[in-house]
Amino acid sequence: MEVSKETEQKIGQLQMFEQSLQSFLGQKQQFQVQLVEAESALNELESAEKAYKIIGSIMVEADKNELKADLQSRKEVLELRIKTMEKQEAQVREKASKLQSEILKKIKKED
């Protein structure tokens, strides 16, 4: 079966969309893991008498309220990043779906 140059280019573009989706999924997973860690740390902080923060390779005592504020801020940033990644992922999925439909139509016409 012979496909046109245009169809080949569109197939290449579709493959790039798929790679982008894989990249988004990997990044989103990393953010989700970090979010779970931040939430877990916040929960542990509620019942802790003393709070510690890791700086470099050492652990130092930290003000519990400051640490809580830092973790809450980090949690909000991670939630925002995840939402942004999900929007980008949805846009790429939509483009990929449209392109896939175009490619299938062209291939059927070329047959």
Protein backbone atom coordinates (compact mmCIF):
# COMPACT_ATOMS: atom_id res chain seq x y z
CA MET A 1 0.00 0.00 0.00
CA GLU A 2 1.39 3.39 -1.03
CA VAL A 3 0.66 6.46 1.11
CA SER A 4 1.15 10.07 0.06
CA LYS A 5 3.84 12.34 1.47
CA GLU A 6 1.16 14.41 3.19
CA THR A 7 -0.22 11.32 4.93
CA GLU A 8 3.29 10.28 5.98
CA GLN A 9 3.84 13.75 7.48
CA LYS A 10 0.56 13.52 9.36
CA ILE A 11 1.51 10.09 10.69
CA GLY A 12 4.80 11.58 11.90
CA GLN A 13 2.92 14.41 13.56
CA LEU A 14 0.59 11.90 15.23
CA GLN A 15 3.62 10.03 16.59
CA MET A 16 4.93 13.32 18.02
CA PHE A 17 1.57 13.88 19.74
CA GLU A 18 1.81 10.38 21.24
CA GLN A 19 5.31 11.13 22.55
CA SER A 20 4.06 14.39 24.04
CA LEU A 21 1.25 12.53 25.78
CA GLN A 22 3.72 10.05 27.25
CA SER A 23 5.84 12.94 28.50
CA PHE A 24 2.80 14.66 30.04
CA LEU A 25 1.77 11.45 31.76
CA GLY A 26 5.24 10.98 33.24
CA GLN A 27 5.41 14.55 34.51
CA LYS A 28 1.88 14.40 35.88
CA GLN A 29 2.72 11.20 37.74
CA GLN A 30 5.75 12.85 39.33
CA PHE A 31 3.64 15.81 40.45
CA GLN A 32 1.00 13.46 41.86
CA VAL A 33 3.63 11.58 43.88
CA GLN A 34 4.96 14.87 45.25
CA LEU A 35 1.41 15.95 46.08
CA VAL A 36 0.76 12.74 48.03
CA GLU A 37 4.04 13.28 49.92
CA ALA A 38 3.09 16.87 50.78
CA GLU A 39 -0.38 15.81 51.95
CA SER A 40 1.10 13.01 54.03
CA ALA A 41 3.61 15.39 55.60
CA LEU A 42 0.81 17.84 56.43
CA ASN A 43 -1.18 15.06 58.10
CA GLU A 44 1.82 13.93 60.13
CA LEU A 45 2.54 17.52 61.13
CA GLU A 46 -0.90 17.81 62.75
CA SER A 47 -0.07 15.27 65.44
CA ALA A 48 3.64 16.03 65.81
CA GLU A 49 4.95 17.91 68.82
CA LYS A 50 8.14 18.99 67.06
CA ALA A 51 8.77 19.58 63.39
CA TYR A 52 11.94 18.99 61.42
CA LYS A 53 13.03 20.04 57.97
CA ILE A 54 15.62 18.39 55.77
CA ILE A 55 18.20 20.84 54.47
CA GLY A 56 20.75 19.25 52.20
CA SER A 57 21.78 16.07 53.98
CA ILE A 58 20.86 17.12 57.53
CA MET A 59 17.61 17.43 59.45
CA VAL A 60 17.07 20.56 61.56
CA GLU A 61 14.26 21.55 63.88
CA ALA A 62 11.84 23.96 62.23
CA ASP A 63 8.91 26.11 63.30
CA LYS A 64 5.82 23.96 62.92
CA ASN A 65 3.62 26.79 61.57
CA GLU A 66 6.20 27.88 58.99
CA LEU A 67 6.66 24.32 57.86
CA LYS A 68 2.89 23.87 57.60
CA ALA A 69 2.62 27.06 55.52
CA ASP A 70 5.46 25.91 53.24
CA LEU A 71 3.85 22.51 52.74
CA GLN A 72 0.43 24.04 52.08
CA SER A 73 1.95 26.39 49.51
CA ARG A 74 3.80 23.50 47.86
CA LYS A 75 0.57 21.48 47.78
CA GLU A 76 -1.29 24.34 46.05
CA VAL A 77 1.48 24.73 43.46
CA LEU A 78 1.46 21.00 42.74
CA GLU A 79 -2.33 20.93 42.38
CA LEU A 80 -2.12 23.83 39.93
CA ARG A 81 0.63 22.10 37.93
CA ILE A 82 -1.42 18.90 37.76
CA LYS A 83 -4.48 20.82 36.51
CA THR A 84 -2.33 22.57 33.89
CA MET A 85 -0.85 19.24 32.77
CA GLU A 86 -4.35 17.74 32.51
CA LYS A 87 -5.52 20.65 30.32
CA GLN A 88 -2.48 20.33 28.06
CA GLU A 89 -2.96 16.59 27.90
CA ALA A 90 -6.61 17.00 26.91
CA GLN A 91 -5.67 19.48 24.16
CA VAL A 92 -3.04 17.16 22.72
CA ARG A 93 -5.41 14.18 22.92
CA GLU A 94 -8.05 16.15 21.01
CA LYS A 95 -5.56 17.19 18.31
CA ALA A 96 -4.26 13.63 18.06
CA SER A 97 -7.77 12.25 17.74
CA LYS A 98 -8.66 14.70 14.93
CA LEU A 99 -5.40 13.96 13.15
CA GLN A 100 -5.95 10.22 13.47
CA SER A 101 -9.38 10.59 11.89
CA GLU A 102 -7.91 12.62 9.01
CA ILE A 103 -5.21 10.00 8.46
CA LEU A 104 -7.72 7.15 8.41
CA LYS A 105 -9.91 9.02 5.89
CA LYS A 106 -6.93 9.70 3.63
CA ILE A 107 -5.73 6.11 3.81
CA LYS A 108 -9.20 4.84 2.89
CA LYS A 109 -9.33 7.23 -0.08
CA GLU A 110 -5.88 6.16 -1.25
CA ASP A 111 -6.82 2.48 -1.24
